[in-house]
Amino acid sequence: MGLIKSEKFTKEQNTIALFAKAFGHPARVAIIQHLFEINSCVCGDLVNQIGLAQPTISQHLKELKTLGLIKGSVEGTSVCYCIDPENWKSMKTVLFAFLNEDTINHGDCC
Protein backbone atom coordinates (compact mmCIF):
# COMPACT_ATOMS: atom_id res chain seq x y z
CA MET A 1 0.00 0.00 0.00
CA GLY A 2 1.32 3.46 -0.92
CA LEU A 3 1.86 6.52 1.18
CA ILE A 4 -1.05 8.72 2.11
CA LYS A 5 -0.58 11.95 0.16
CA SER A 6 -0.27 14.03 3.33
CA GLU A 7 2.68 11.88 4.45
CA LYS A 8 4.72 13.27 1.55
CA PHE A 9 4.65 16.72 3.12
CA THR A 10 6.00 18.20 6.34
CA LYS A 11 3.86 18.62 9.42
CA GLU A 12 3.99 22.38 8.89
CA GLN A 13 2.81 22.08 5.28
CA ASN A 14 -0.09 19.86 6.34
CA THR A 15 -0.99 22.26 9.15
CA ILE A 16 -1.00 25.26 6.80
CA ALA A 17 -3.19 23.36 4.34
CA LEU A 18 -5.66 22.44 7.07
CA PHE A 19 -5.91 26.00 8.32
CA ALA A 20 -6.31 27.26 4.75
CA LYS A 21 -9.16 24.80 4.32
CA ALA A 22 -11.08 26.69 7.01
CA PHE A 23 -11.12 29.72 4.71
CA GLY A 24 -11.82 27.66 1.59
CA HIS A 25 -15.58 28.21 1.78
CA PRO A 26 -17.28 31.58 2.23
CA ALA A 27 -19.81 30.08 4.67
CA ARG A 28 -16.99 29.14 7.06
CA VAL A 29 -15.53 32.63 6.75
CA ALA A 30 -18.98 34.10 7.50
CA ILE A 31 -19.38 31.79 10.51
CA ILE A 32 -16.00 32.80 11.91
CA GLN A 33 -16.73 36.49 11.38
CA HIS A 34 -20.13 36.15 13.07
CA LEU A 35 -18.60 34.33 16.04
CA PHE A 36 -16.04 37.13 16.45
CA GLU A 37 -18.81 39.75 16.30
CA ILE A 38 -20.93 38.23 19.06
CA ASN A 39 -18.29 36.17 20.91
CA SER A 40 -20.61 33.12 21.12
CA CYS A 41 -23.46 31.71 19.12
CA VAL A 42 -26.19 29.12 19.08
CA CYS A 43 -26.33 27.13 15.86
CA GLY A 44 -29.91 28.24 15.10
CA ASP A 45 -28.76 31.87 15.10
CA LEU A 46 -26.23 31.05 12.42
CA VAL A 47 -28.93 29.60 10.17
CA ASN A 48 -30.81 32.90 10.35
CA GLN A 49 -27.67 35.04 10.08
CA ILE A 50 -25.99 33.24 7.18
CA GLY A 51 -29.09 32.00 5.37
CA LEU A 52 -28.06 28.41 4.75
CA ALA A 53 -29.89 25.26 5.78
CA GLN A 54 -29.31 23.83 9.27
CA PRO A 55 -27.52 20.67 7.98
CA THR A 56 -25.18 22.83 5.88
CA ILE A 57 -24.35 25.10 8.82
CA SER A 58 -23.83 22.04 11.03
CA GLN A 59 -21.39 20.55 8.52
CA HIS A 60 -19.36 23.77 8.37
CA LEU A 61 -19.37 24.00 12.18
CA LYS A 62 -18.15 20.41 12.38
CA GLU A 63 -15.32 21.19 9.96
CA LEU A 64 -14.26 24.27 11.93
CA LYS A 65 -14.44 22.34 15.20
CA THR A 66 -12.41 19.46 13.75
CA LEU A 67 -9.76 21.99 12.69
CA GLY A 68 -9.80 23.32 16.25
CA LEU A 69 -10.67 26.89 15.34
CA ILE A 70 -13.96 26.83 17.23
CA LYS A 71 -15.19 25.01 20.29
CA GLY A 72 -18.68 24.22 21.45
CA SER A 73 -20.50 23.55 24.67
CA VAL A 74 -23.91 21.99 25.20
CA GLU A 75 -26.51 24.27 26.76
CA GLY A 76 -29.77 22.34 27.11
CA THR A 77 -30.77 21.24 23.63
CA SER A 78 -28.47 23.73 21.89
CA VAL A 79 -24.76 23.82 21.28
CA CYS A 80 -23.08 27.16 21.82
CA TYR A 81 -20.03 27.80 19.64
CA CYS A 82 -17.19 30.28 20.01
CA ILE A 83 -13.69 30.85 18.67
CA ASP A 84 -11.03 28.78 20.41
CA PRO A 85 -8.58 31.60 21.29
CA GLU A 86 -5.53 29.37 21.85
CA ASN A 87 -5.91 27.52 18.54
CA TRP A 88 -6.76 30.76 16.72
CA LYS A 89 -3.54 32.32 18.03
CA SER A 90 -1.57 29.21 17.01
CA MET A 91 -3.08 29.33 13.52
CA LYS A 92 -2.17 33.01 13.18
CA THR A 93 1.42 32.28 14.18
CA VAL A 94 1.77 29.46 11.64
CA LEU A 95 0.11 31.41 8.82
CA PHE A 96 2.01 34.61 9.64
CA ALA A 97 5.34 32.79 9.32
CA PHE A 98 4.22 31.21 6.04
CA LEU A 99 2.86 34.43 4.55
CA ASN A 100 6.03 36.33 5.52
CA GLU A 101 8.46 33.94 3.82
CA ASP A 102 8.85 36.51 1.05
CA THR A 103 10.39 38.96 3.52
CA ILE A 104 12.90 36.37 4.69
CA ASN A 105 13.87 34.79 1.37
CA HIS A 106 14.11 37.80 -0.87
CA GLY A 107 16.38 36.48 -3.57
CA ASP A 108 16.10 37.54 -7.19
CA CYS A 109 13.80 35.56 -9.39
CA CYS A 110 14.26 35.04 -13.13
C-alpha atoms as a PDB file:
ATOM      1  CA  MET A   1       0.000   0.000   0.000  1.00  0.00           C
ATOM      2  CA  GLY A   2       1.322   3.458  -0.924  1.00  0.00           C
ATOM      3  CA  LEU A   3       1.862   6.523   1.177  1.00  0.00           C
ATOM      4  CA  ILE A   4      -1.047   8.724   2.109  1.00  0.00           C
ATOM      5  CA  LYS A   5      -0.576  11.953   0.163  1.00  0.00           C
ATOM      6  CA  SER A   6      -0.273  14.035   3.327  1.00  0.00           C
ATOM      7  CA  GLU A   7       2.680  11.884   4.449  1.00  0.00           C
ATOM      8  CA  LYS A   8       4.718  13.269   1.553  1.00  0.00           C
ATOM      9  CA  PHE A   9       4.651  16.716   3.122  1.00  0.00           C
ATOM     10  CA  THR A  10       6.003  18.197   6.341  1.00  0.00           C
ATOM     11  CA  LYS A  11       3.860  18.616   9.423  1.00  0.00           C
ATOM     12  CA  GLU A  12       3.992  22.385   8.892  1.00  0.00           C
ATOM     13  CA  GLN A  13       2.811  22.079   5.279  1.00  0.00           C
ATOM     14  CA  ASN A  14      -0.086  19.861   6.337  1.00  0.00           C
ATOM     15  CA  THR A  15      -0.989  22.264   9.149  1.00  0.00           C
ATOM     16  CA  ILE A  16      -0.999  25.260   6.805  1.00  0.00           C
ATOM     17  CA  ALA A  17      -3.188  23.361   4.336  1.00  0.00           C
ATOM     18  CA  LEU A  18      -5.664  22.435   7.072  1.00  0.00           C
ATOM     19  CA  PHE A  19      -5.909  25.998   8.317  1.00  0.00           C
ATOM     20  CA  ALA A  20      -6.311  27.264   4.750  1.00  0.00           C
ATOM     21  CA  LYS A  21      -9.160  24.795   4.322  1.00  0.00           C
ATOM     22  CA  ALA A  22     -11.079  26.694   7.013  1.00  0.00           C
ATOM     23  CA  PHE A  23     -11.118  29.717   4.707  1.00  0.00           C
ATOM     24  CA  GLY A  24     -11.822  27.664   1.590  1.00  0.00           C
ATOM     25  CA  HIS A  25     -15.578  28.212   1.785  1.00  0.00           C
ATOM     26  CA  PRO A  26     -17.275  31.581   2.226  1.00  0.00           C
ATOM     27  CA  ALA A  27     -19.810  30.076   4.665  1.00  0.00           C
ATOM     28  CA  ARG A  28     -16.989  29.135   7.057  1.00  0.00           C
ATOM     29  CA  VAL A  29     -15.531  32.633   6.751  1.00  0.00           C
ATOM     30  CA  ALA A  30     -18.982  34.096   7.499  1.00  0.00           C
ATOM     31  CA  ILE A  31     -19.383  31.791  10.511  1.00  0.00           C
ATOM     32  CA  ILE A  32     -15.995  32.799  11.909  1.00  0.00           C
ATOM     33  CA  GLN A  33     -16.727  36.494  11.375  1.00  0.00           C
ATOM     34  CA  HIS A  34     -20.127  36.154  13.066  1.00  0.00           C
ATOM     35  CA  LEU A  35     -18.599  34.331  16.040  1.00  0.00           C
ATOM     36  CA  PHE A  36     -16.044  37.129  16.447  1.00  0.00           C
ATOM     37  CA  GLU A  37     -18.808  39.746  16.305  1.00  0.00           C
ATOM     38  CA  ILE A  38     -20.932  38.231  19.059  1.00  0.00           C
ATOM     39  CA  ASN A  39     -18.292  36.173  20.912  1.00  0.00           C
ATOM     40  CA  SER A  40     -20.612  33.119  21.122  1.00  0.00           C
ATOM     41  CA  CYS A  41     -23.455  31.711  19.117  1.00  0.00           C
ATOM     42  CA  VAL A  42     -26.188  29.117  19.084  1.00  0.00           C
ATOM     43  CA  CYS A  43     -26.326  27.127  15.861  1.00  0.00           C
ATOM     44  CA  GLY A  44     -29.908  28.242  15.101  1.00  0.00           C
ATOM     45  CA  ASP A  45     -28.763  31.874  15.102  1.00  0.00           C
ATOM     46  CA  LEU A  46     -26.235  31.049  12.422  1.00  0.00           C
ATOM     47  CA  VAL A  47     -28.934  29.604  10.171  1.00  0.00           C
ATOM     48  CA  ASN A  48     -30.811  32.903  10.353  1.00  0.00           C
ATOM     49  CA  GLN A  49     -27.671  35.039  10.079  1.00  0.00           C
ATOM     50  CA  ILE A  50     -25.994  33.239   7.175  1.00  0.00           C
ATOM     51  CA  GLY A  51     -29.092  32.003   5.372  1.00  0.00           C
ATOM     52  CA  LEU A  52     -28.057  28.412   4.748  1.00  0.00           C
ATOM     53  CA  ALA A  53     -29.894  25.257   5.784  1.00  0.00           C
ATOM     54  CA  GLN A  54     -29.313  23.829   9.270  1.00  0.00           C
ATOM     55  CA  PRO A  55     -27.521  20.674   7.984  1.00  0.00           C
ATOM     56  CA  THR A  56     -25.177  22.830   5.882  1.00  0.00           C
ATOM     57  CA  ILE A  57     -24.349  25.100   8.817  1.00  0.00           C
ATOM     58  CA  SER A  58     -23.831  22.043  11.033  1.00  0.00           C
ATOM     59  CA  GLN A  59     -21.394  20.552   8.516  1.00  0.00           C
ATOM     60  CA  HIS A  60     -19.360  23.765   8.373  1.00  0.00           C
ATOM     61  CA  LEU A  61     -19.367  24.004  12.183  1.00  0.00           C
ATOM     62  CA  LYS A  62     -18.153  20.406  12.378  1.00  0.00           C
ATOM     63  CA  GLU A  63     -15.324  21.195   9.962  1.00  0.00           C
ATOM     64  CA  LEU A  64     -14.264  24.270  11.935  1.00  0.00           C
ATOM     65  CA  LYS A  65     -14.444  22.338  15.202  1.00  0.00           C
ATOM     66  CA  THR A  66     -12.405  19.456  13.746  1.00  0.00           C
ATOM     67  CA  LEU A  67      -9.762  21.987  12.692  1.00  0.00           C
ATOM     68  CA  GLY A  68      -9.805  23.319  16.252  1.00  0.00           C
ATOM     69  CA  LEU A  69     -10.672  26.891  15.338  1.00  0.00           C
ATOM     70  CA  ILE A  70     -13.956  26.830  17.232  1.00  0.00           C
ATOM     71  CA  LYS A  71     -15.194  25.013  20.291  1.00  0.00           C
ATOM     72  CA  GLY A  72     -18.683  24.224  21.452  1.00  0.00           C
ATOM     73  CA  SER A  73     -20.503  23.546  24.672  1.00  0.00           C
ATOM     74  CA  VAL A  74     -23.913  21.992  25.198  1.00  0.00           C
ATOM     75  CA  GLU A  75     -26.508  24.266  26.762  1.00  0.00           C
ATOM     76  CA  GLY A  76     -29.770  22.345  27.111  1.00  0.00           C
ATOM     77  CA  THR A  77     -30.774  21.244  23.630  1.00  0.00           C
ATOM     78  CA  SER A  78     -28.469  23.725  21.892  1.00  0.00           C
ATOM     79  CA  VAL A  79     -24.758  23.820  21.283  1.00  0.00           C
ATOM     80  CA  CYS A  80     -23.081  27.163  21.818  1.00  0.00           C
ATOM     81  CA  TYR A  81     -20.026  27.800  19.636  1.00  0.00           C
ATOM     82  CA  CYS A  82     -17.190  30.283  20.009  1.00  0.00           C
ATOM     83  CA  ILE A  83     -13.692  30.853  18.668  1.00  0.00           C
ATOM     84  CA  ASP A  84     -11.026  28.782  20.410  1.00  0.00           C
ATOM     85  CA  PRO A  85      -8.583  31.595  21.293  1.00  0.00           C
ATOM     86  CA  GLU A  86      -5.526  29.371  21.848  1.00  0.00           C
ATOM     87  CA  ASN A  87      -5.914  27.521  18.544  1.00  0.00           C
ATOM     88  CA  TRP A  88      -6.759  30.757  16.721  1.00  0.00           C
ATOM     89  CA  LYS A  89      -3.537  32.317  18.028  1.00  0.00           C
ATOM     90  CA  SER A  90      -1.571  29.211  17.007  1.00  0.00           C
ATOM     91  CA  MET A  91      -3.082  29.327  13.522  1.00  0.00           C
ATOM     92  CA  LYS A  92      -2.172  33.007  13.176  1.00  0.00           C
ATOM     93  CA  THR A  93       1.425  32.279  14.181  1.00  0.00           C
ATOM     94  CA  VAL A  94       1.773  29.464  11.636  1.00  0.00           C
ATOM     95  CA  LEU A  95       0.106  31.413   8.821  1.00  0.00           C
ATOM     96  CA  PHE A  96       2.007  34.610   9.645  1.00  0.00           C
ATOM     97  CA  ALA A  97       5.337  32.790   9.317  1.00  0.00           C
ATOM     98  CA  PHE A  98       4.224  31.211   6.045  1.00  0.00           C
ATOM     99  CA  LEU A  99       2.863  34.434   4.554  1.00  0.00           C
ATOM    100  CA  ASN A 100       6.028  36.332   5.516  1.00  0.00           C
ATOM    101  CA  GLU A 101       8.457  33.939   3.820  1.00  0.00           C
ATOM    102  CA  ASP A 102       8.851  36.508   1.047  1.00  0.00           C
ATOM    103  CA  THR A 103      10.390  38.959   3.517  1.00  0.00           C
ATOM    104  CA  ILE A 104      12.903  36.366   4.692  1.00  0.00           C
ATOM    105  CA  ASN A 105      13.866  34.790   1.372  1.00  0.00           C
ATOM    106  CA  HIS A 106      14.108  37.803  -0.875  1.00  0.00           C
ATOM    107  CA  GLY A 107      16.378  36.480  -3.570  1.00  0.00           C
ATOM    108  CA  ASP A 108      16.103  37.539  -7.187  1.00  0.00           C
ATOM    109  CA  CYS A 109      13.796  35.565  -9.388  1.00  0.00           C
ATOM    110  CA  CYS A 110      14.259  35.037 -13.132  1.00  0.00           C
END
